[in-house]
Amino acid sequence: MYYFVKTPGWLKKVYKNRIWDMPAKEKETLYLSFDDGPHPIITPALLDVLQNYQAKATFFCIGENVKKYPDVYQRIIQEGHAVGNHTQTHLNGWKTKDEIYLADIRDAAIYIDSNLFRPPYGRMTRFQQKQIFHQPKPLQVVMWSVISGDFDAGINAERCLQNVLYNSKPGSIIVFHDSDKAKMNMEFAVPRTLNYFSKKGFCFDKIAL
């Protein structure tokens, strides 16, 4: 499995109308994000960890999961985190007809009230992106600066943690997943990430655009 742990500058330039980092603030800030939830067990446990560090995050949710677990979704919002649209059924935009892909995003928007959107696998065409800007509620496409690799069965939890610690800087948007596939690596790496950067004076905020 190949992916950029740290998003290269040339890729950010190619897709310059997508959000890859957040602007620097007076206080050093990181932006944790979690894809593919909510999950009935993993997400509540994760919310407990974030609460322990008074950390805010952004959850890019799958519409089907929000429909199944509305109470977990509402807890995310009630505790001050941001949510984003991650499609209704986790479609790959490169492999899906435009009309089906765009309808899937609209279906998710029934359950997820947000102007933030992250394409599953980071894959959507330029045409698809152009279309979501012209919806009744235009969506901002949010990508990432650092991928933890928590979903990657080829790396262990320590490697996942090091991916984040070595590549994050103020304003970085970091990707984890609150899903069964990523559970072991994510649950190891997230509290250690919070502890490491908190001791260095960082805070953790949600994405707001």
Protein backbone atom coordinates (compact mmCIF):
# COMPACT_ATOMS: atom_id res chain seq x y z
CA MET A 1 0.00 0.00 0.00
CA TYR A 2 1.49 3.34 -1.07
CA TYR A 3 0.47 6.79 0.10
CA PHE A 4 2.18 10.03 1.07
CA VAL A 5 2.45 10.22 4.86
CA LYS A 6 3.24 13.91 4.49
CA THR A 7 1.46 15.61 1.60
CA PRO A 8 4.08 17.01 -0.83
CA GLY A 9 4.00 20.64 -1.83
CA TRP A 10 3.57 19.86 -5.53
CA LEU A 11 0.34 17.98 -4.84
CA LYS A 12 -1.04 20.92 -2.88
CA LYS A 13 -0.27 23.16 -5.85
CA VAL A 14 -1.95 20.83 -8.34
CA TYR A 15 -5.13 20.86 -6.22
CA LYS A 16 -4.77 24.34 -4.82
CA ASN A 17 -8.53 24.83 -4.44
CA ARG A 18 -8.62 22.17 -1.73
CA ILE A 19 -7.77 22.76 1.94
CA TRP A 20 -4.56 20.97 2.94
CA ASP A 21 -3.46 22.94 6.01
CA MET A 22 -4.98 25.48 8.36
CA PRO A 23 -3.57 29.00 8.84
CA ALA A 24 -1.08 29.44 11.65
CA LYS A 25 -2.45 30.88 14.89
CA GLU A 26 -0.80 32.71 17.76
CA LYS A 27 -0.81 29.45 19.71
CA GLU A 28 0.57 26.37 17.98
CA THR A 29 -2.42 24.35 16.84
CA LEU A 30 -2.99 20.95 15.26
CA TYR A 31 -6.16 19.69 13.62
CA LEU A 32 -7.01 16.05 14.24
CA SER A 33 -9.57 14.57 11.87
CA PHE A 34 -11.31 11.21 11.91
CA ASP A 35 -12.85 9.52 8.87
CA ASP A 36 -15.50 6.83 8.35
CA GLY A 37 -17.49 7.02 11.61
CA PRO A 38 -19.44 7.29 13.66
CA HIS A 39 -18.86 3.87 15.19
CA PRO A 40 -21.01 2.72 18.15
CA ILE A 41 -18.03 1.71 20.32
CA ILE A 42 -14.87 3.22 18.86
CA THR A 43 -16.17 6.77 18.49
CA PRO A 44 -17.49 7.18 22.07
CA ALA A 45 -14.20 5.85 23.47
CA LEU A 46 -12.31 8.29 21.25
CA LEU A 47 -14.51 11.17 22.42
CA ASP A 48 -13.59 10.29 26.01
CA VAL A 49 -9.90 10.52 25.15
CA LEU A 50 -10.32 13.87 23.40
CA GLN A 51 -12.27 15.19 26.37
CA ASN A 52 -9.45 14.23 28.73
CA TYR A 53 -7.14 16.58 26.80
CA GLN A 54 -9.78 19.26 26.17
CA ALA A 55 -9.07 18.66 22.49
CA LYS A 56 -11.44 19.43 19.63
CA ALA A 57 -11.41 17.49 16.35
CA THR A 58 -13.25 17.14 13.06
CA PHE A 59 -15.21 14.00 12.19
CA PHE A 60 -15.81 13.28 8.50
CA CYS A 61 -18.83 11.01 8.78
CA ILE A 62 -20.40 8.49 6.44
CA GLY A 63 -24.11 9.17 6.08
CA GLU A 64 -25.09 5.53 6.50
CA ASN A 65 -23.27 5.42 9.83
CA VAL A 66 -24.89 8.64 11.04
CA LYS A 67 -28.28 7.12 10.18
CA LYS A 68 -27.42 3.96 12.17
CA TYR A 69 -25.89 5.74 15.17
CA PRO A 70 -27.54 9.15 15.53
CA ASP A 71 -26.86 9.35 19.26
CA VAL A 72 -23.12 9.02 18.71
CA TYR A 73 -23.28 11.65 15.97
CA GLN A 74 -25.15 14.03 18.26
CA ARG A 75 -22.58 13.50 21.00
CA ILE A 76 -19.81 14.56 18.59
CA ILE A 77 -21.63 17.83 17.98
CA GLN A 78 -22.68 18.40 21.59
CA GLU A 79 -19.09 18.10 22.77
CA GLY A 80 -18.01 20.89 20.43
CA HIS A 81 -16.37 18.98 17.60
CA ALA A 82 -16.91 19.70 13.91
CA VAL A 83 -18.47 17.27 11.46
CA GLY A 84 -18.02 16.89 7.72
CA ASN A 85 -19.62 15.01 4.83
CA HIS A 86 -17.72 11.86 3.76
CA THR A 87 -20.43 10.66 1.32
CA GLN A 88 -23.33 8.37 2.15
CA THR A 89 -21.66 5.05 1.26
CA HIS A 90 -17.91 5.81 1.06
CA LEU A 91 -17.62 5.97 -2.73
CA ASN A 92 -14.41 6.42 -4.70
CA GLY A 93 -15.01 9.39 -7.00
CA TRP A 94 -12.52 8.15 -9.59
CA LYS A 95 -14.44 4.91 -9.98
CA THR A 96 -17.99 6.23 -9.75
CA LYS A 97 -20.17 7.90 -12.36
CA ASP A 98 -20.57 11.60 -11.65
CA GLU A 99 -24.33 11.54 -11.16
CA ILE A 100 -24.10 8.63 -8.71
CA TYR A 101 -21.24 10.21 -6.77
CA LEU A 102 -22.93 13.59 -6.48
CA ALA A 103 -26.22 11.99 -5.44
CA ASP A 104 -24.37 10.07 -2.73
CA ILE A 105 -23.00 13.34 -1.35
CA ARG A 106 -26.50 14.85 -1.38
CA ASP A 107 -27.87 11.80 0.42
CA ALA A 108 -25.24 12.21 3.14
CA ALA A 109 -26.13 15.89 3.49
CA ILE A 110 -29.60 14.84 4.68
CA TYR A 111 -27.94 13.49 7.83
CA ILE A 112 -24.79 15.64 8.06
CA ASP A 113 -25.26 19.41 8.31
CA SER A 114 -21.86 20.77 7.33
CA ASN A 115 -20.05 22.82 4.71
CA LEU A 116 -17.00 20.53 4.97
CA PHE A 117 -16.43 17.60 2.63
CA ARG A 118 -13.66 15.03 2.40
CA PRO A 119 -13.66 12.61 -0.54
CA PRO A 120 -13.18 8.97 0.49
CA TYR A 121 -9.68 7.80 -0.43
CA GLY A 122 -8.97 11.46 -1.27
CA ARG A 123 -10.31 10.76 -4.76
CA MET A 124 -12.73 12.91 -6.66
CA THR A 125 -12.54 14.42 -10.13
CA ARG A 126 -12.23 18.11 -10.86
CA PHE A 127 -15.70 18.02 -12.42
CA GLN A 128 -17.18 16.46 -9.27
CA GLN A 129 -15.52 19.08 -7.12
CA LYS A 130 -16.79 21.89 -9.33
CA GLN A 131 -20.34 20.58 -8.99
CA ILE A 132 -20.36 20.51 -5.20
CA PHE A 133 -19.52 24.22 -5.17
CA HIS A 134 -22.82 24.81 -6.96
CA GLN A 135 -25.07 22.90 -4.61
CA PRO A 136 -27.64 24.73 -2.40
CA LYS A 137 -25.04 24.54 0.37
CA PRO A 138 -21.58 24.76 -1.25
CA LEU A 139 -19.01 22.39 0.21
CA GLN A 140 -15.36 23.11 0.98
CA VAL A 141 -13.07 20.19 0.15
CA VAL A 142 -10.79 19.41 3.09
CA MET A 143 -7.82 17.11 2.52
CA TRP A 144 -4.86 16.68 4.91
CA SER A 145 -1.23 17.41 5.69
CA VAL A 146 -0.40 14.12 7.41
CA ILE A 147 -1.82 10.60 7.09
CA SER A 148 -1.27 8.50 10.19
CA GLY A 149 -1.62 5.23 8.26
CA ASP A 150 -3.78 3.75 11.02
CA PHE A 151 -5.78 1.86 8.36
CA ASP A 152 -2.64 0.19 6.95
CA ALA A 153 -2.30 -3.44 8.05
CA GLY A 154 1.31 -3.31 6.87
CA ILE A 155 2.46 -1.02 9.69
CA ASN A 156 2.30 -1.38 13.44
CA ALA A 157 0.89 1.05 15.99
CA GLU A 158 4.29 2.53 16.84
CA ARG A 159 4.96 3.34 13.18
CA CYS A 160 1.54 4.96 12.94
CA LEU A 161 2.42 7.17 15.91
CA GLN A 162 5.80 8.11 14.48
CA ASN A 163 4.19 9.07 11.18
CA VAL A 164 2.27 11.74 13.07
CA LEU A 165 4.94 12.90 15.50
CA TYR A 166 7.66 13.33 12.86
CA ASN A 167 5.55 15.03 10.18
CA SER A 168 3.15 17.33 11.99
CA LYS A 169 3.70 21.07 12.41
CA PRO A 170 1.51 24.04 13.39
CA GLY A 171 -1.57 24.11 11.17
CA SER A 172 -1.31 20.46 10.10
CA ILE A 173 -4.51 18.55 9.36
CA ILE A 174 -3.94 14.96 10.52
CA VAL A 175 -6.00 11.96 9.40
CA PHE A 176 -7.05 9.09 11.64
CA HIS A 177 -10.06 6.76 11.31
CA ASP A 178 -12.69 5.80 13.89
CA SER A 179 -13.33 2.44 12.23
CA ASP A 180 -12.86 -1.26 12.92
CA LYS A 181 -10.04 -1.49 10.39
CA ALA A 182 -7.99 1.25 12.06
CA LYS A 183 -8.98 0.61 15.67
CA MET A 184 -5.78 -0.93 17.01
CA ASN A 185 -3.38 1.61 15.53
CA MET A 186 -5.64 4.60 16.14
CA GLU A 187 -6.32 3.78 19.78
CA PHE A 188 -2.57 3.48 20.38
CA ALA A 189 -1.52 6.58 18.47
CA VAL A 190 -4.16 9.18 19.34
CA PRO A 191 -3.65 9.48 23.11
CA ARG A 192 0.12 9.48 22.64
CA THR A 193 -0.17 12.18 19.98
CA LEU A 194 -2.30 14.27 22.32
CA ASN A 195 0.11 13.77 25.20
CA TYR A 196 3.26 14.49 23.17
CA PHE A 197 2.07 17.70 21.56
CA SER A 198 0.20 18.94 24.65
CA LYS A 199 3.47 18.83 26.58
CA LYS A 200 5.02 20.96 23.84
CA GLY A 201 2.34 23.62 24.28
CA PHE A 202 0.14 22.73 21.31
CA CYS A 203 -3.64 22.83 21.35
CA PHE A 204 -6.04 20.82 19.20
CA ASP A 205 -8.85 22.57 17.37
CA LYS A 206 -11.66 21.70 14.98
CA ILE A 207 -11.68 22.83 11.35
CA ALA A 208 -13.91 25.85 10.74
CA LEU A 209 -14.19 27.42 7.28
